């Protein structure tokens, strides 16, 4: 199977200290085949996480289809979504921490806009899941027992909810995806094809890694 998981990644190449909110992709052989660093941490997340760059706007070609996605409220960034559509994403991953009803509307919008299958996942978390010796646990005392109600869902390219949303419990969702539905759904709307109007609108994406230090060779070399 292909597996995508969220991690807190520490940069080990340059600073050794900057943290990123990162989506990792693993292939059937268990090897890491791709990653995406969140481009814009939201609100107080900016206290903790650095900003990713365009070098990890990842879409992976697999025998299941082209897999890619964005993290949480990156999915509200129209140009970031367009970057995914431009790479032909077919199975769009939208992990989040947003359990509001409006998020379900966003998943359906992305599916209809990109004419892709959308897999949205969210955590189900209660206070009792935290270990009693966790530092800072007292800060949660004013909060309700259910801290995040979940809301994972699977949506078709025309916005039909195939599974979920799953609220109030842990669980695994599954659905059979008819990949031919993607082509059929693009007959009347193809956001990067016949509906794109590149004579009016164009998106330029910088996919170069933004390095903190670059070195130019000396004239002697």
N, C-alpha and C. Protein backbone atom coordinates (compact mmCIF):
# COMPACT_ATOMS: atom_id res chain seq x y z
N UNK A 1 0.84 -1.20 0.00
CA UNK A 1 0.00 0.00 0.00
C UNK A 1 0.88 1.25 0.00
N UNK A 2 0.25 2.36 -0.33
CA UNK A 2 0.88 3.66 -0.19
C UNK A 2 0.37 4.29 1.11
N UNK A 3 1.28 4.91 1.84
CA UNK A 3 0.95 5.46 3.15
C UNK A 3 1.40 6.91 3.23
N UNK A 4 0.52 7.76 3.71
CA UNK A 4 0.87 9.16 3.96
C UNK A 4 0.64 9.46 5.44
N UNK A 5 1.63 10.05 6.09
CA UNK A 5 1.51 10.36 7.51
C UNK A 5 2.02 11.77 7.77
N UNK A 6 1.48 12.40 8.78
CA UNK A 6 1.95 13.72 9.20
C UNK A 6 2.97 13.60 10.30
N UNK A 7 4.02 14.40 10.22
CA UNK A 7 5.07 14.39 11.24
C UNK A 7 5.50 15.83 11.55
N UNK A 8 6.15 16.00 12.67
CA UNK A 8 6.90 17.23 12.95
C UNK A 8 8.33 16.94 12.56
N UNK A 9 8.78 17.59 11.50
CA UNK A 9 10.11 17.33 10.93
C UNK A 9 11.10 18.38 11.42
N UNK A 10 12.24 17.93 11.87
CA UNK A 10 13.32 18.86 12.22
C UNK A 10 14.34 18.89 11.11
N UNK A 11 14.67 20.08 10.65
CA UNK A 11 15.65 20.25 9.59
C UNK A 11 17.02 19.79 10.07
N UNK A 12 17.58 18.82 9.36
CA UNK A 12 18.90 18.33 9.73
C UNK A 12 19.97 18.71 8.75
N UNK A 13 19.61 19.49 7.72
CA UNK A 13 20.57 19.83 6.68
C UNK A 13 21.23 21.18 6.91
N UNK A 14 20.45 22.15 7.42
CA UNK A 14 20.98 23.49 7.55
C UNK A 14 21.04 23.93 9.02
N UNK A 15 19.91 24.33 9.58
CA UNK A 15 19.95 24.89 10.92
C UNK A 15 20.04 23.83 12.00
N UNK A 16 19.44 22.67 11.75
CA UNK A 16 19.41 21.63 12.78
C UNK A 16 18.39 21.89 13.86
N UNK A 17 17.64 22.99 13.72
CA UNK A 17 16.70 23.32 14.78
C UNK A 17 15.30 23.69 14.31
N UNK A 18 15.15 24.17 13.06
CA UNK A 18 13.85 24.58 12.58
C UNK A 18 12.92 23.38 12.40
N UNK A 19 11.68 23.53 12.87
CA UNK A 19 10.67 22.48 12.77
C UNK A 19 9.70 22.80 11.64
N UNK A 20 9.22 21.76 10.98
CA UNK A 20 8.24 21.92 9.91
C UNK A 20 7.07 20.97 10.13
N UNK A 21 5.88 21.43 9.75
CA UNK A 21 4.72 20.55 9.68
C UNK A 21 4.79 19.86 8.32
N UNK A 22 4.97 18.55 8.31
CA UNK A 22 5.35 17.84 7.09
C UNK A 22 4.46 16.64 6.84
N UNK A 23 4.15 16.41 5.57
CA UNK A 23 3.42 15.23 5.11
C UNK A 23 4.41 14.33 4.39
N UNK A 24 4.56 13.10 4.89
CA UNK A 24 5.48 12.13 4.29
C UNK A 24 4.71 11.08 3.50
N UNK A 25 5.29 10.66 2.38
CA UNK A 25 4.70 9.62 1.54
C UNK A 25 5.63 8.40 1.52
N UNK A 26 5.06 7.23 1.73
CA UNK A 26 5.82 5.98 1.67
C UNK A 26 5.21 5.07 0.62
N UNK A 27 6.09 4.33 -0.10
CA UNK A 27 5.64 3.40 -1.13
C UNK A 27 5.47 2.00 -0.60
N UNK A 28 4.99 1.08 -1.44
CA UNK A 28 4.75 -0.29 -1.02
C UNK A 28 5.99 -1.04 -0.53
N UNK A 29 7.17 -0.55 -0.91
CA UNK A 29 8.41 -1.18 -0.42
C UNK A 29 8.85 -0.61 0.92
N UNK A 30 8.06 0.30 1.47
CA UNK A 30 8.39 0.87 2.77
C UNK A 30 9.34 2.05 2.71
N UNK A 31 9.75 2.44 1.51
CA UNK A 31 10.70 3.53 1.37
C UNK A 31 9.99 4.88 1.29
N UNK A 32 10.63 5.92 1.81
CA UNK A 32 10.13 7.28 1.69
C UNK A 32 10.24 7.72 0.23
N UNK A 33 9.11 8.12 -0.37
CA UNK A 33 9.12 8.48 -1.79
C UNK A 33 8.79 9.95 -2.03
N UNK A 34 8.44 10.68 -0.98
CA UNK A 34 8.15 12.09 -1.18
C UNK A 34 7.73 12.75 0.12
N UNK A 35 7.75 14.09 0.12
CA UNK A 35 7.29 14.82 1.30
C UNK A 35 6.79 16.19 0.87
N UNK A 36 5.98 16.77 1.74
CA UNK A 36 5.52 18.15 1.55
C UNK A 36 5.62 18.87 2.88
N UNK A 37 6.27 20.01 2.86
CA UNK A 37 6.34 20.87 4.04
C UNK A 37 5.28 21.96 3.92
N UNK A 38 4.53 22.16 4.98
CA UNK A 38 3.47 23.17 4.98
C UNK A 38 4.05 24.54 4.65
N UNK A 39 3.44 25.20 3.67
CA UNK A 39 3.95 26.49 3.20
C UNK A 39 3.70 27.61 4.19
N UNK A 40 2.55 27.58 4.85
CA UNK A 40 2.19 28.68 5.74
C UNK A 40 1.54 28.13 7.01
N UNK A 41 2.30 28.06 8.10
CA UNK A 41 1.68 27.70 9.38
C UNK A 41 0.59 28.71 9.74
N UNK A 42 -0.44 28.22 10.39
CA UNK A 42 -1.61 29.03 10.70
C UNK A 42 -1.56 29.57 12.13
N UNK A 43 -1.84 30.86 12.27
CA UNK A 43 -2.01 31.51 13.59
C UNK A 43 -0.82 31.19 14.50
N UNK A 44 -1.11 30.65 15.71
CA UNK A 44 -0.05 30.41 16.69
C UNK A 44 0.90 29.30 16.28
N UNK A 45 0.58 28.53 15.22
CA UNK A 45 1.53 27.53 14.71
C UNK A 45 2.83 28.19 14.28
N UNK A 46 2.75 29.48 13.94
CA UNK A 46 3.95 30.17 13.44
C UNK A 46 4.99 30.35 14.54
N UNK A 47 4.58 30.19 15.79
CA UNK A 47 5.53 30.26 16.90
C UNK A 47 6.46 29.05 16.87
N UNK A 48 5.98 27.94 16.30
CA UNK A 48 6.69 26.67 16.38
C UNK A 48 7.31 26.26 15.05
N UNK A 49 6.55 26.40 13.97
CA UNK A 49 6.96 25.82 12.69
C UNK A 49 7.52 26.86 11.74
N UNK A 50 8.51 26.44 10.95
CA UNK A 50 9.01 27.25 9.85
C UNK A 50 8.12 27.11 8.63
N UNK A 51 8.43 27.84 7.58
CA UNK A 51 7.66 27.81 6.34
C UNK A 51 8.37 26.96 5.29
N UNK A 52 7.63 26.06 4.66
CA UNK A 52 8.19 25.30 3.56
C UNK A 52 8.33 26.16 2.31
N UNK A 53 8.88 25.58 1.25
CA UNK A 53 9.02 26.30 -0.02
C UNK A 53 8.43 25.47 -1.15
N UNK A 54 8.53 25.98 -2.36
CA UNK A 54 7.89 25.33 -3.49
C UNK A 54 8.53 24.04 -3.93
N UNK A 55 9.67 23.69 -3.36
CA UNK A 55 10.35 22.47 -3.79
C UNK A 55 9.65 21.21 -3.31
N UNK A 56 8.68 21.35 -2.39
CA UNK A 56 8.00 20.15 -1.90
C UNK A 56 6.50 20.19 -2.21
N UNK A 57 6.14 20.83 -3.31
CA UNK A 57 4.76 20.74 -3.81
C UNK A 57 4.65 19.42 -4.57
N UNK A 58 4.50 18.35 -3.81
CA UNK A 58 4.71 17.00 -4.32
C UNK A 58 3.45 16.37 -4.88
N UNK A 59 3.54 15.82 -6.09
CA UNK A 59 2.53 14.93 -6.66
C UNK A 59 3.28 13.71 -7.20
N UNK A 60 2.88 12.52 -6.76
CA UNK A 60 3.59 11.30 -7.08
C UNK A 60 2.79 10.45 -8.06
N UNK A 61 3.42 10.04 -9.15
CA UNK A 61 2.79 9.15 -10.11
C UNK A 61 2.91 7.71 -9.62
N UNK A 62 1.78 7.06 -9.37
CA UNK A 62 1.77 5.68 -8.90
C UNK A 62 0.81 4.87 -9.77
N UNK A 63 0.83 3.56 -9.60
CA UNK A 63 -0.10 2.72 -10.36
C UNK A 63 -1.54 2.92 -9.92
N UNK A 64 -1.74 3.56 -8.78
CA UNK A 64 -3.09 3.87 -8.31
C UNK A 64 -3.61 5.18 -8.88
N UNK A 65 -2.71 6.03 -9.33
CA UNK A 65 -3.05 7.36 -9.79
C UNK A 65 -2.02 8.35 -9.27
N UNK A 66 -2.20 9.61 -9.60
CA UNK A 66 -1.28 10.65 -9.14
C UNK A 66 -1.73 11.15 -7.77
N UNK A 67 -0.86 10.98 -6.78
CA UNK A 67 -1.19 11.26 -5.39
C UNK A 67 -0.44 12.51 -4.92
N UNK A 68 -1.14 13.42 -4.28
CA UNK A 68 -0.53 14.61 -3.72
C UNK A 68 -1.51 15.28 -2.78
N UNK A 69 -1.12 16.41 -2.22
CA UNK A 69 -2.05 17.10 -1.34
C UNK A 69 -1.42 18.26 -0.60
N UNK A 70 -2.24 18.90 0.20
CA UNK A 70 -1.84 20.05 1.00
C UNK A 70 -2.30 19.82 2.44
N UNK A 71 -1.72 20.60 3.35
CA UNK A 71 -1.94 20.38 4.77
C UNK A 71 -2.88 21.45 5.34
N UNK A 72 -3.98 21.01 5.91
CA UNK A 72 -4.90 21.84 6.67
C UNK A 72 -5.29 23.10 5.88
N UNK A 73 -5.06 24.28 6.45
CA UNK A 73 -5.56 25.50 5.82
C UNK A 73 -4.77 25.94 4.61
N UNK A 74 -3.70 25.22 4.24
CA UNK A 74 -3.12 25.44 2.91
C UNK A 74 -4.19 25.20 1.84
N UNK A 75 -5.15 24.36 2.16
CA UNK A 75 -6.20 24.03 1.20
C UNK A 75 -7.14 25.21 0.94
N UNK A 76 -7.02 26.27 1.74
CA UNK A 76 -7.76 27.50 1.48
C UNK A 76 -6.96 28.45 0.58
N UNK A 77 -5.76 28.08 0.18
CA UNK A 77 -4.92 28.92 -0.67
C UNK A 77 -5.18 28.54 -2.13
N UNK A 78 -5.92 29.38 -2.87
CA UNK A 78 -6.30 29.01 -4.24
C UNK A 78 -5.11 28.68 -5.14
N UNK A 79 -4.01 29.42 -5.00
CA UNK A 79 -2.87 29.19 -5.89
C UNK A 79 -2.15 27.90 -5.52
N UNK A 80 -2.13 27.54 -4.25
CA UNK A 80 -1.52 26.27 -3.85
C UNK A 80 -2.34 25.11 -4.41
N UNK A 81 -3.66 25.24 -4.36
CA UNK A 81 -4.50 24.20 -4.96
C UNK A 81 -4.25 24.10 -6.46
N UNK A 82 -4.13 25.25 -7.10
CA UNK A 82 -3.90 25.27 -8.56
C UNK A 82 -2.58 24.58 -8.90
N UNK A 83 -1.59 24.72 -8.02
CA UNK A 83 -0.31 24.04 -8.24
C UNK A 83 -0.51 22.53 -8.26
N UNK A 84 -1.36 22.03 -7.37
CA UNK A 84 -1.65 20.60 -7.34
C UNK A 84 -2.41 20.16 -8.59
N UNK A 85 -3.39 20.96 -8.98
CA UNK A 85 -4.18 20.62 -10.17
C UNK A 85 -3.29 20.61 -11.41
N UNK A 86 -2.37 21.57 -11.48
CA UNK A 86 -1.49 21.66 -12.63
C UNK A 86 -0.59 20.45 -12.78
N UNK A 87 -0.34 19.75 -11.68
CA UNK A 87 0.47 18.53 -11.73
C UNK A 87 -0.38 17.29 -11.94
N UNK A 88 -1.67 17.51 -12.17
CA UNK A 88 -2.54 16.40 -12.51
C UNK A 88 -2.94 15.51 -11.36
N UNK A 89 -3.00 16.07 -10.14
CA UNK A 89 -3.34 15.25 -8.98
C UNK A 89 -4.69 14.58 -9.19
N UNK A 90 -4.76 13.30 -8.85
CA UNK A 90 -5.99 12.52 -8.99
C UNK A 90 -6.53 12.04 -7.64
N UNK A 91 -5.61 11.76 -6.73
CA UNK A 91 -5.99 11.40 -5.36
C UNK A 91 -5.40 12.47 -4.46
N UNK A 92 -6.24 13.36 -4.03
CA UNK A 92 -5.82 14.59 -3.33
C UNK A 92 -6.00 14.37 -1.83
N UNK A 93 -4.91 14.50 -1.08
CA UNK A 93 -4.92 14.31 0.37
C UNK A 93 -5.07 15.65 1.06
N UNK A 94 -5.99 15.72 2.01
CA UNK A 94 -6.24 16.98 2.73
C UNK A 94 -6.33 16.71 4.23
N UNK A 95 -5.20 16.37 4.86
CA UNK A 95 -5.21 16.20 6.32
C UNK A 95 -5.42 17.54 7.01
N UNK A 96 -6.07 17.53 8.17
CA UNK A 96 -6.42 18.78 8.82
C UNK A 96 -6.54 18.60 10.33
N UNK A 97 -6.72 19.71 11.02
CA UNK A 97 -7.12 19.71 12.43
C UNK A 97 -8.44 20.44 12.60
N UNK A 98 -9.13 20.68 11.49
CA UNK A 98 -10.37 21.45 11.47
C UNK A 98 -11.55 20.49 11.46
N UNK A 99 -12.36 20.51 12.51
CA UNK A 99 -13.49 19.58 12.60
C UNK A 99 -14.83 20.27 12.39
N UNK A 100 -14.82 21.49 11.88
CA UNK A 100 -16.07 22.22 11.67
C UNK A 100 -16.81 21.71 10.44
N UNK A 101 -18.11 21.95 10.42
CA UNK A 101 -18.92 21.54 9.27
C UNK A 101 -18.44 22.21 7.98
N UNK A 102 -17.93 23.42 8.09
CA UNK A 102 -17.47 24.15 6.91
C UNK A 102 -16.31 23.44 6.21
N UNK A 103 -15.54 22.65 6.96
CA UNK A 103 -14.42 21.93 6.35
C UNK A 103 -14.92 20.88 5.37
N UNK A 104 -16.06 20.26 5.69
CA UNK A 104 -16.62 19.28 4.77
C UNK A 104 -16.99 19.94 3.45
N UNK A 105 -17.51 21.16 3.53
CA UNK A 105 -17.83 21.91 2.31
C UNK A 105 -16.56 22.18 1.51
N UNK A 106 -15.45 22.43 2.20
CA UNK A 106 -14.18 22.68 1.51
C UNK A 106 -13.70 21.43 0.77
N UNK A 107 -13.84 20.26 1.41
CA UNK A 107 -13.43 19.02 0.76
C UNK A 107 -14.23 18.79 -0.52
N UNK A 108 -15.53 19.05 -0.45
CA UNK A 108 -16.37 18.88 -1.64
C UNK A 108 -16.03 19.91 -2.72
N UNK A 109 -15.71 21.13 -2.29
CA UNK A 109 -15.32 22.16 -3.26
C UNK A 109 -14.04 21.78 -3.98
N UNK A 110 -13.04 21.29 -3.24
CA UNK A 110 -11.77 20.90 -3.85
C UNK A 110 -12.00 19.77 -4.85
N UNK A 111 -12.82 18.80 -4.48
CA UNK A 111 -13.11 17.68 -5.37
C UNK A 111 -13.74 18.18 -6.66
N UNK A 112 -14.72 19.05 -6.56
CA UNK A 112 -15.41 19.58 -7.75
C UNK A 112 -14.49 20.49 -8.56
N UNK A 113 -13.69 21.29 -7.88
CA UNK A 113 -12.81 22.23 -8.55
C UNK A 113 -11.70 21.50 -9.30
N UNK A 114 -11.06 20.55 -8.63
CA UNK A 114 -9.93 19.84 -9.22
C UNK A 114 -10.32 18.59 -9.97
N UNK A 115 -11.62 18.21 -9.92
CA UNK A 115 -12.09 16.97 -10.54
C UNK A 115 -11.18 15.81 -10.14
N UNK A 116 -11.05 15.65 -8.83
CA UNK A 116 -10.18 14.62 -8.26
C UNK A 116 -10.88 13.99 -7.06
N UNK A 117 -10.41 12.82 -6.67
CA UNK A 117 -10.86 12.23 -5.42
C UNK A 117 -10.15 12.93 -4.27
N UNK A 118 -10.88 13.27 -3.23
CA UNK A 118 -10.29 13.94 -2.07
C UNK A 118 -10.42 13.03 -0.85
N UNK A 119 -9.29 12.79 -0.21
CA UNK A 119 -9.25 12.02 1.03
C UNK A 119 -8.91 12.97 2.16
N UNK A 120 -9.89 13.28 2.98
CA UNK A 120 -9.67 14.16 4.11
C UNK A 120 -9.59 13.35 5.40
N UNK A 121 -8.59 13.61 6.21
CA UNK A 121 -8.49 12.91 7.49
C UNK A 121 -8.28 13.93 8.61
N UNK A 122 -8.88 13.62 9.75
CA UNK A 122 -8.73 14.46 10.93
C UNK A 122 -8.69 13.57 12.16
N UNK A 123 -8.01 14.03 13.16
CA UNK A 123 -7.84 13.28 14.39
C UNK A 123 -9.09 13.31 15.26
N UNK A 124 -9.34 12.18 15.92
CA UNK A 124 -10.33 12.17 17.00
C UNK A 124 -9.54 12.12 18.30
N UNK A 125 -9.71 13.14 19.15
CA UNK A 125 -8.88 13.28 20.35
C UNK A 125 -9.75 13.63 21.55
N UNK A 126 -9.51 12.92 22.65
CA UNK A 126 -10.14 13.26 23.93
C UNK A 126 -9.05 13.52 24.96
N UNK A 127 -9.40 14.20 26.02
CA UNK A 127 -8.41 14.49 27.06
C UNK A 127 -7.87 13.22 27.69
N UNK A 128 -8.71 12.19 27.79
CA UNK A 128 -8.28 10.95 28.43
C UNK A 128 -7.21 10.21 27.64
N UNK A 129 -7.00 10.60 26.37
CA UNK A 129 -5.96 9.95 25.56
C UNK A 129 -4.56 10.41 25.93
N UNK A 130 -4.46 11.54 26.65
CA UNK A 130 -3.14 12.05 27.01
C UNK A 130 -2.62 11.35 28.27
N UNK A 131 -1.33 11.06 28.33
CA UNK A 131 -0.77 10.43 29.54
C UNK A 131 -0.88 11.38 30.72
N UNK A 132 -1.15 10.84 31.92
CA UNK A 132 -1.37 11.70 33.09
C UNK A 132 -0.14 12.51 33.50
N UNK A 133 1.05 12.09 33.09
CA UNK A 133 2.27 12.80 33.47
C UNK A 133 2.74 13.78 32.39
N UNK A 134 1.87 14.06 31.41
CA UNK A 134 2.24 14.98 30.34
C UNK A 134 2.41 16.39 30.88
N UNK A 135 3.54 17.01 30.56
CA UNK A 135 3.80 18.38 30.99
C UNK A 135 2.80 19.33 30.34
N UNK A 136 2.12 20.14 31.12
CA UNK A 136 1.17 21.09 30.59
C UNK A 136 -0.25 20.55 30.49
N UNK A 137 -0.49 19.36 31.02
CA UNK A 137 -1.82 18.76 30.91
C UNK A 137 -2.88 19.60 31.63
N UNK A 138 -2.47 20.32 32.67
CA UNK A 138 -3.43 21.15 33.40
C UNK A 138 -4.03 22.24 32.53
N UNK A 139 -3.31 22.62 31.49
CA UNK A 139 -3.83 23.65 30.59
C UNK A 139 -5.10 23.20 29.88
N UNK A 140 -5.33 21.89 29.84
CA UNK A 140 -6.51 21.36 29.15
C UNK A 140 -7.72 21.24 30.06
N UNK A 141 -7.56 21.51 31.36
CA UNK A 141 -8.66 21.32 32.31
C UNK A 141 -9.93 22.08 31.94
N UNK A 142 -9.84 23.31 31.43
CA UNK A 142 -11.08 24.03 31.07
C UNK A 142 -11.75 23.50 29.81
N UNK A 143 -11.05 22.67 29.04
CA UNK A 143 -11.56 22.20 27.77
C UNK A 143 -12.51 21.02 27.95
N UNK A 144 -13.42 20.81 26.99
CA UNK A 144 -14.32 19.65 27.07
C UNK A 144 -13.54 18.35 26.90
N UNK A 145 -14.15 17.24 27.28
CA UNK A 145 -13.47 15.94 27.17
C UNK A 145 -13.11 15.64 25.72
N UNK A 146 -14.02 15.93 24.80
CA UNK A 146 -13.74 15.70 23.38
C UNK A 146 -13.08 16.95 22.81
N UNK A 147 -11.77 16.84 22.54
CA UNK A 147 -11.01 17.99 22.07
C UNK A 147 -11.13 18.19 20.56
N UNK A 148 -11.23 17.11 19.82
CA UNK A 148 -11.42 17.19 18.38
C UNK A 148 -12.30 16.03 17.96
N UNK A 149 -13.39 16.31 17.29
CA UNK A 149 -14.40 15.28 17.00
C UNK A 149 -14.13 14.49 15.73
N UNK A 150 -13.05 14.81 15.00
CA UNK A 150 -12.72 14.07 13.78
C UNK A 150 -13.31 14.71 12.56
N UNK A 151 -13.82 13.90 11.64
CA UNK A 151 -14.42 14.42 10.41
C UNK A 151 -13.77 13.90 9.15
N UNK A 152 -13.08 12.75 9.22
CA UNK A 152 -12.47 12.18 8.02
C UNK A 152 -13.55 11.84 7.00
N UNK A 153 -13.20 11.97 5.71
CA UNK A 153 -14.17 11.73 4.66
C UNK A 153 -13.45 11.43 3.35
N UNK A 154 -14.18 10.78 2.43
CA UNK A 154 -13.71 10.52 1.07
C UNK A 154 -14.75 11.07 0.12
N UNK A 155 -14.30 11.88 -0.85
CA UNK A 155 -15.22 12.59 -1.74
C UNK A 155 -14.85 12.31 -3.19
N UNK A 156 -15.86 12.16 -4.05
CA UNK A 156 -15.64 11.87 -5.47
C UNK A 156 -15.37 13.15 -6.26
N UNK A 157 -14.91 13.02 -7.53
CA UNK A 157 -14.60 14.20 -8.34
C UNK A 157 -15.78 15.12 -8.61
N UNK A 158 -17.00 14.67 -8.39
CA UNK A 158 -18.16 15.54 -8.55
C UNK A 158 -18.77 15.92 -7.21
N UNK A 159 -18.01 15.73 -6.13
CA UNK A 159 -18.44 16.21 -4.83
C UNK A 159 -19.31 15.26 -4.04
N UNK A 160 -19.50 14.04 -4.50
CA UNK A 160 -20.30 13.07 -3.76
C UNK A 160 -19.49 12.48 -2.63
N UNK A 161 -20.04 12.46 -1.42
CA UNK A 161 -19.34 11.90 -0.27
C UNK A 161 -19.46 10.38 -0.33
N UNK A 162 -18.34 9.72 -0.51
CA UNK A 162 -18.31 8.26 -0.63
C UNK A 162 -18.19 7.56 0.71
N UNK A 163 -17.60 8.23 1.69
CA UNK A 163 -17.45 7.66 3.04
C UNK A 163 -17.29 8.79 4.03
N UNK A 164 -17.87 8.60 5.23
CA UNK A 164 -17.80 9.63 6.25
C UNK A 164 -18.87 10.71 6.03
N UNK A 165 -18.68 11.85 6.68
CA UNK A 165 -17.61 12.16 7.63
C UNK A 165 -17.75 11.36 8.93
N UNK A 166 -16.62 10.94 9.46
CA UNK A 166 -16.57 10.11 10.66
C UNK A 166 -16.35 11.02 11.88
N UNK A 167 -17.36 11.12 12.72
CA UNK A 167 -17.29 11.97 13.90
C UNK A 167 -17.45 11.12 15.18
N UNK A 168 -16.83 11.58 16.25
CA UNK A 168 -17.08 11.03 17.57
C UNK A 168 -16.46 9.69 17.87
N UNK A 169 -15.56 9.22 17.03
CA UNK A 169 -14.92 7.93 17.27
C UNK A 169 -13.70 7.78 16.38
N UNK A 170 -12.81 6.88 16.79
CA UNK A 170 -11.71 6.48 15.93
C UNK A 170 -12.23 5.50 14.90
N UNK A 171 -11.58 5.42 13.74
CA UNK A 171 -12.02 4.48 12.73
C UNK A 171 -11.24 4.61 11.44
N UNK A 172 -11.51 3.69 10.52
CA UNK A 172 -10.87 3.68 9.21
C UNK A 172 -11.96 3.72 8.15
N UNK A 173 -11.82 4.64 7.21
CA UNK A 173 -12.77 4.75 6.11
C UNK A 173 -12.20 4.08 4.87
N UNK A 174 -13.06 3.52 4.06
CA UNK A 174 -12.62 2.93 2.79
C UNK A 174 -13.68 3.18 1.73
N UNK A 175 -13.24 3.18 0.47
CA UNK A 175 -14.15 3.36 -0.65
C UNK A 175 -13.47 2.85 -1.91
N UNK A 176 -14.26 2.33 -2.85
CA UNK A 176 -13.74 1.95 -4.15
C UNK A 176 -13.75 3.17 -5.05
N UNK A 177 -12.60 3.51 -5.64
CA UNK A 177 -12.48 4.70 -6.47
C UNK A 177 -12.46 4.28 -7.94
N UNK A 178 -13.41 4.76 -8.69
CA UNK A 178 -13.46 4.54 -10.13
C UNK A 178 -12.68 5.65 -10.80
N UNK A 179 -11.42 5.37 -11.17
CA UNK A 179 -10.55 6.42 -11.69
C UNK A 179 -11.05 6.96 -13.03
N UNK A 180 -11.86 6.19 -13.75
CA UNK A 180 -12.43 6.69 -15.00
C UNK A 180 -13.38 7.85 -14.76
N UNK A 181 -13.87 7.98 -13.53
CA UNK A 181 -14.77 9.08 -13.21
C UNK A 181 -14.06 10.42 -13.34
N UNK A 182 -12.75 10.45 -13.15
CA UNK A 182 -12.01 11.70 -13.27
C UNK A 182 -12.10 12.24 -14.69
N UNK A 183 -11.84 11.38 -15.67
CA UNK A 183 -11.93 11.81 -17.06
C UNK A 183 -13.33 12.23 -17.44
N UNK A 184 -14.32 11.45 -17.01
CA UNK A 184 -15.71 11.79 -17.33
C UNK A 184 -16.10 13.13 -16.73
N UNK A 185 -15.62 13.40 -15.51
CA UNK A 185 -16.01 14.63 -14.83
C UNK A 185 -15.36 15.87 -15.44
N UNK A 186 -14.27 15.67 -16.19
CA UNK A 186 -13.58 16.80 -16.80
C UNK A 186 -14.14 17.19 -18.15
N UNK A 187 -15.13 16.46 -18.64
CA UNK A 187 -15.72 16.83 -19.93
C UNK A 187 -16.31 18.23 -19.90
N UNK A 188 -16.95 18.57 -18.79
CA UNK A 188 -17.60 19.88 -18.73
C UNK A 188 -16.82 20.91 -17.90
N UNK A 189 -15.81 20.45 -17.17
CA UNK A 189 -14.99 21.41 -16.41
C UNK A 189 -13.62 20.80 -16.17
N UNK A 190 -12.59 21.46 -16.67
CA UNK A 190 -11.20 21.02 -16.47
C UNK A 190 -10.39 22.25 -16.10
N UNK A 191 -10.10 22.39 -14.81
CA UNK A 191 -9.56 23.65 -14.29
C UNK A 191 -8.22 24.02 -14.89
N UNK A 192 -7.40 23.04 -15.29
CA UNK A 192 -6.12 23.35 -15.93
C UNK A 192 -6.15 22.98 -17.41
N UNK A 193 -7.33 22.71 -17.94
CA UNK A 193 -7.47 22.39 -19.35
C UNK A 193 -8.33 23.42 -20.05
N UNK A 194 -9.47 23.01 -20.58
CA UNK A 194 -10.28 23.91 -21.40
C UNK A 194 -10.95 25.03 -20.60
N UNK A 195 -10.88 24.96 -19.27
CA UNK A 195 -11.45 26.03 -18.45
C UNK A 195 -10.39 26.97 -17.89
N UNK A 196 -9.15 26.84 -18.31
CA UNK A 196 -8.06 27.54 -17.63
C UNK A 196 -7.84 28.98 -18.11
N UNK A 197 -8.14 29.29 -19.36
CA UNK A 197 -7.93 30.61 -19.94
C UNK A 197 -6.53 31.19 -19.66
N UNK A 198 -5.47 30.51 -20.12
CA UNK A 198 -4.12 31.01 -19.87
C UNK A 198 -3.82 32.33 -20.57
N UNK A 199 -4.68 32.74 -21.54
CA UNK A 199 -4.50 34.04 -22.16
C UNK A 199 -4.88 35.17 -21.20
N UNK A 200 -5.60 34.83 -20.12
CA UNK A 200 -6.02 35.82 -19.13
C UNK A 200 -5.32 35.59 -17.79
N UNK A 201 -5.23 34.31 -17.37
CA UNK A 201 -4.67 33.99 -16.06
C UNK A 201 -3.47 33.06 -16.22
N UNK A 202 -2.40 33.34 -15.46
CA UNK A 202 -1.25 32.45 -15.43
C UNK A 202 -0.70 32.39 -14.01
N UNK A 203 -0.26 31.21 -13.62
CA UNK A 203 0.35 31.00 -12.31
C UNK A 203 1.79 30.58 -12.51
N UNK A 204 2.71 31.29 -11.87
CA UNK A 204 4.14 30.97 -11.92
C UNK A 204 4.54 30.42 -10.56
N UNK A 205 5.13 29.23 -10.54
CA UNK A 205 5.49 28.56 -9.29
C UNK A 205 7.00 28.44 -9.20
N UNK A 206 7.56 28.89 -8.11
CA UNK A 206 8.99 28.76 -7.85
C UNK A 206 9.23 27.46 -7.09
N UNK A 207 9.78 26.46 -7.77
CA UNK A 207 10.02 25.16 -7.14
C UNK A 207 11.47 24.98 -6.70
N UNK A 208 12.24 26.05 -6.73
CA UNK A 208 13.63 25.95 -6.29
C UNK A 208 13.68 25.96 -4.76
N UNK A 209 14.50 25.10 -4.16
CA UNK A 209 14.68 25.17 -2.70
C UNK A 209 15.24 26.53 -2.31
N UNK A 210 14.64 27.16 -1.31
CA UNK A 210 15.11 28.47 -0.86
C UNK A 210 16.15 28.25 0.23
N UNK A 211 17.41 28.25 -0.17
CA UNK A 211 18.51 27.95 0.75
C UNK A 211 18.90 29.20 1.52
N UNK A 212 19.24 29.05 2.81
CA UNK A 212 19.63 30.21 3.60
C UNK A 212 20.98 30.78 3.21
N UNK A 213 21.84 29.94 2.65
CA UNK A 213 23.18 30.38 2.25
C UNK A 213 23.49 29.75 0.90
N UNK A 214 23.97 30.55 -0.04
CA UNK A 214 24.45 30.03 -1.32
C UNK A 214 25.88 30.51 -1.53
N UNK A 215 26.65 29.70 -2.21
CA UNK A 215 28.07 30.01 -2.42
C UNK A 215 28.35 30.09 -3.92
N UNK A 216 29.01 31.14 -4.36
CA UNK A 216 29.44 31.27 -5.73
C UNK A 216 30.89 30.85 -5.83
N UNK A 217 31.29 30.14 -6.88
CA UNK A 217 32.69 29.74 -7.00
C UNK A 217 33.59 30.96 -7.15
N UNK A 218 34.77 30.88 -6.56
CA UNK A 218 35.71 32.00 -6.67
C UNK A 218 36.31 32.06 -8.06
N UNK A 219 36.86 33.23 -8.41
CA UNK A 219 37.44 33.39 -9.74
C UNK A 219 38.64 32.47 -9.93
N UNK A 220 39.34 32.14 -8.83
CA UNK A 220 40.50 31.26 -8.95
C UNK A 220 40.08 29.86 -9.37
N UNK A 221 38.89 29.46 -8.96
CA UNK A 221 38.45 28.13 -9.33
C UNK A 221 38.00 28.10 -10.79
